[in-house]
Structures are given as structure tokens and as C-alpha cells.
Amino acid sequence: MYDLPSDLPRLRTLRTWHAMWVDRIDQAITTAERQKREQQQGEERRPPPPDWTLELGIGVGAPPTDVHTGDCYATGRRRRPITREQAVAALTEGIRACIHCRPDTALGML
């Protein structure tokens, strides 16, 4: 019916081989479930993005370059969160508003 060998040694070898693979598959399932659980916990614990960010210039003491909304995709790596009041102050001091997220429009300054 299944074209299996008829002798006992080969059948036991097949049984051992498949048991080994079932164990490997079970381990892979356990690992995948743990990773998914960790990812969900990370997403639940991730703090919300700030409302506003200030992109900093390159080098120590360099002036800030742009003001962004907190969820802007164009924000560089050198940034720090700021309050609404700090964002308004930065824009009035002449720091550029990001051309992608338009924080000046979001702040009602236009």
C-alpha cells in the first residue's frame, strides 16, 4: 500500500529518521511561536512616537536643522523629541520645517 520496506531493521531506521525530523519541526515551531510572542510584546511595550522632533546637525554643538512631526519618515537618526511649544519656538527662530511632514501646517503656523 505505501511501498515501505518489509524488513524490521529498515522500518526501524525509517521510524528513527522521521521521529528525528518531527522533533526538529517541533523545535522550529516552538522557536517561531516564541519569536512571534516576543514581537507582539515588543509592539505592545513600545512607547508612542513623540508629537514633534528636532533633527540635529552633524557634530558637537551644530545647530538643529529641521523640525518634524513625530511620525515623519524623513527624520534622520540624529533627533530628539520636543514639546509643541519648543517646536513653535524653533520654527519662529528660523529652523526649517520638514518639507515632507509640514509641521508648520500641523502647528497652524501657516
C-alpha atoms as a PDB file:
ATOM      1  CA  MET A   1       0.000   0.000   0.000  1.00  0.00           C
ATOM      2  CA  TYR A   2       2.701   2.548   0.975  1.00  0.00           C
ATOM      3  CA  ASP A   3       5.685   0.828  -0.629  1.00  0.00           C
ATOM      4  CA  LEU A   4       7.546   0.561   2.664  1.00  0.00           C
ATOM      5  CA  PRO A   5      10.313  -1.997   3.134  1.00  0.00           C
ATOM      6  CA  SER A   6       9.177  -5.234   4.726  1.00  0.00           C
ATOM      7  CA  ASP A   7      12.211  -5.952   6.917  1.00  0.00           C
ATOM      8  CA  LEU A   8      12.310  -4.764  10.514  1.00  0.00           C
ATOM      9  CA  PRO A   9      15.772  -3.026  10.523  1.00  0.00           C
ATOM     10  CA  ARG A  10      14.893  -0.704   7.640  1.00  0.00           C
ATOM     11  CA  LEU A  11      11.462   0.048   9.118  1.00  0.00           C
ATOM     12  CA  ARG A  12      13.081   0.992  12.434  1.00  0.00           C
ATOM     13  CA  THR A  13      15.598   3.167  10.589  1.00  0.00           C
ATOM     14  CA  LEU A  14      12.749   4.976   8.824  1.00  0.00           C
ATOM     15  CA  ARG A  15      10.924   5.370  12.134  1.00  0.00           C
ATOM     16  CA  THR A  16      14.012   6.876  13.772  1.00  0.00           C
ATOM     17  CA  TRP A  17      14.634   9.182  10.796  1.00  0.00           C
ATOM     18  CA  HIS A  18      11.085  10.516  10.776  1.00  0.00           C
ATOM     19  CA  ALA A  19      10.980  10.894  14.558  1.00  0.00           C
ATOM     20  CA  MET A  20      14.141  12.984  14.296  1.00  0.00           C
ATOM     21  CA  TRP A  21      12.508  15.243  11.699  1.00  0.00           C
ATOM     22  CA  VAL A  22       9.298  15.569  13.721  1.00  0.00           C
ATOM     23  CA  ASP A  23      11.438  16.688  16.678  1.00  0.00           C
ATOM     24  CA  ARG A  24      13.224  19.268  14.502  1.00  0.00           C
ATOM     25  CA  ILE A  25       9.901  20.561  13.185  1.00  0.00           C
ATOM     26  CA  ASP A  26       8.528  20.815  16.737  1.00  0.00           C
ATOM     27  CA  GLN A  27      11.606  22.807  17.787  1.00  0.00           C
ATOM     28  CA  ALA A  28      11.181  25.137  14.804  1.00  0.00           C
ATOM     29  CA  ILE A  29       7.510  25.653  15.681  1.00  0.00           C
ATOM     30  CA  THR A  30       8.427  26.430  19.305  1.00  0.00           C
ATOM     31  CA  THR A  31      11.065  28.927  18.172  1.00  0.00           C
ATOM     32  CA  ALA A  32       8.675  30.619  15.714  1.00  0.00           C
ATOM     33  CA  GLU A  33       5.954  30.874  18.374  1.00  0.00           C
ATOM     34  CA  ARG A  34       8.421  32.386  20.880  1.00  0.00           C
ATOM     35  CA  GLN A  35       9.642  34.934  18.337  1.00  0.00           C
ATOM     36  CA  LYS A  36       6.086  35.917  17.445  1.00  0.00           C
ATOM     37  CA  ARG A  37       5.200  36.272  21.124  1.00  0.00           C
ATOM     38  CA  GLU A  38       8.305  38.429  21.748  1.00  0.00           C
ATOM     39  CA  GLN A  39       7.497  40.599  18.742  1.00  0.00           C
ATOM     40  CA  GLN A  40       3.930  41.163  19.965  1.00  0.00           C
ATOM     41  CA  GLN A  41       5.189  42.037  23.450  1.00  0.00           C
ATOM     42  CA  GLY A  42       7.698  44.463  21.950  1.00  0.00           C
ATOM     43  CA  GLU A  43       4.996  46.182  19.919  1.00  0.00           C
ATOM     44  CA  GLU A  44       2.731  46.438  22.963  1.00  0.00           C
ATOM     45  CA  ARG A  45       5.520  47.884  25.137  1.00  0.00           C
ATOM     46  CA  ARG A  46       6.952  50.275  22.533  1.00  0.00           C
ATOM     47  CA  PRO A  47       6.424  53.853  23.656  1.00  0.00           C
ATOM     48  CA  PRO A  48       4.353  56.037  21.337  1.00  0.00           C
ATOM     49  CA  PRO A  49       6.282  58.334  18.992  1.00  0.00           C
ATOM     50  CA  PRO A  50       6.747  61.910  20.193  1.00  0.00           C
ATOM     51  CA  ASP A  51       4.441  64.543  18.755  1.00  0.00           C
ATOM     52  CA  TRP A  52       7.373  66.628  17.471  1.00  0.00           C
ATOM     53  CA  THR A  53      11.080  66.036  16.855  1.00  0.00           C
ATOM     54  CA  LEU A  54      14.045  68.250  16.216  1.00  0.00           C
ATOM     55  CA  GLU A  55      16.640  66.949  13.798  1.00  0.00           C
ATOM     56  CA  LEU A  56      20.133  67.804  14.981  1.00  0.00           C
ATOM     57  CA  GLY A  57      23.071  68.882  12.849  1.00  0.00           C
ATOM     58  CA  ILE A  58      26.269  66.896  12.408  1.00  0.00           C
ATOM     59  CA  GLY A  59      28.978  67.406  15.020  1.00  0.00           C
ATOM     60  CA  VAL A  60      29.114  68.609  18.579  1.00  0.00           C
ATOM     61  CA  GLY A  61      27.377  71.939  19.032  1.00  0.00           C
ATOM     62  CA  ALA A  62      25.962  72.013  15.494  1.00  0.00           C
ATOM     63  CA  PRO A  63      22.637  73.836  15.238  1.00  0.00           C
ATOM     64  CA  PRO A  64      19.408  71.911  14.646  1.00  0.00           C
ATOM     65  CA  THR A  65      18.425  71.539  11.006  1.00  0.00           C
ATOM     66  CA  ASP A  66      14.714  70.676  10.804  1.00  0.00           C
ATOM     67  CA  VAL A  67      11.528  70.367  12.824  1.00  0.00           C
ATOM     68  CA  HIS A  68       9.439  67.237  12.130  1.00  0.00           C
ATOM     69  CA  THR A  69       6.196  65.709  13.275  1.00  0.00           C
ATOM     70  CA  GLY A  70       6.809  62.662  15.461  1.00  0.00           C
ATOM     71  CA  ASP A  71       5.761  60.170  12.797  1.00  0.00           C
ATOM     72  CA  CYS A  72       7.713  61.680   9.884  1.00  0.00           C
ATOM     73  CA  TYR A  73       9.508  59.110   7.738  1.00  0.00           C
ATOM     74  CA  ALA A  74      12.143  61.615   6.642  1.00  0.00           C
ATOM     75  CA  THR A  75      13.589  62.282  10.098  1.00  0.00           C
ATOM     76  CA  GLY A  76      17.287  61.444  10.294  1.00  0.00           C
ATOM     77  CA  ARG A  77      19.000  59.444  13.011  1.00  0.00           C
ATOM     78  CA  ARG A  78      20.155  62.488  14.958  1.00  0.00           C
ATOM     79  CA  ARG A  79      16.927  63.682  16.542  1.00  0.00           C
ATOM     80  CA  ARG A  80      15.364  64.390  19.873  1.00  0.00           C
ATOM     81  CA  PRO A  81      11.752  64.713  20.968  1.00  0.00           C
ATOM     82  CA  ILE A  82      10.445  68.189  21.711  1.00  0.00           C
ATOM     83  CA  THR A  83       7.208  69.680  23.006  1.00  0.00           C
ATOM     84  CA  ARG A  84       4.708  71.630  20.936  1.00  0.00           C
ATOM     85  CA  GLU A  85       5.959  74.886  22.454  1.00  0.00           C
ATOM     86  CA  GLN A  86       9.565  74.018  21.595  1.00  0.00           C
ATOM     87  CA  ALA A  87       8.530  73.177  18.024  1.00  0.00           C
ATOM     88  CA  VAL A  88       6.771  76.515  17.625  1.00  0.00           C
ATOM     89  CA  ALA A  89       9.773  78.337  19.111  1.00  0.00           C
ATOM     90  CA  ALA A  90      12.187  76.521  16.815  1.00  0.00           C
ATOM     91  CA  LEU A  91      10.156  77.376  13.728  1.00  0.00           C
ATOM     92  CA  THR A  92       9.862  81.045  14.743  1.00  0.00           C
ATOM     93  CA  GLU A  93      13.642  81.129  15.294  1.00  0.00           C
ATOM     94  CA  GLY A  94      14.175  80.144  11.670  1.00  0.00           C
ATOM     95  CA  ILE A  95      14.747  76.397  11.859  1.00  0.00           C
ATOM     96  CA  ARG A  96      13.310  74.808   8.728  1.00  0.00           C
ATOM     97  CA  ALA A  97      10.060  72.892   8.706  1.00  0.00           C
ATOM     98  CA  CYS A  98      10.344  69.478   7.082  1.00  0.00           C
ATOM     99  CA  ILE A  99       9.002  69.596   3.525  1.00  0.00           C
ATOM    100  CA  HIS A 100       7.562  66.086   3.867  1.00  0.00           C
ATOM    101  CA  CYS A 101       5.543  66.208   7.092  1.00  0.00           C
ATOM    102  CA  ARG A 102       4.949  70.005   7.195  1.00  0.00           C
ATOM    103  CA  PRO A 103       4.975  70.586  10.977  1.00  0.00           C
ATOM    104  CA  ASP A 104       4.328  74.295  10.405  1.00  0.00           C
ATOM    105  CA  THR A 105       0.968  73.407   8.876  1.00  0.00           C
ATOM    106  CA  ALA A 106       0.209  70.888  11.640  1.00  0.00           C
ATOM    107  CA  LEU A 107       1.025  73.552  14.231  1.00  0.00           C
ATOM    108  CA  GLY A 108      -1.251  76.067  12.489  1.00  0.00           C
ATOM    109  CA  MET A 109       1.567  78.499  11.730  1.00  0.00           C
ATOM    110  CA  LEU A 110       0.742  78.981   8.038  1.00  0.00           C
END
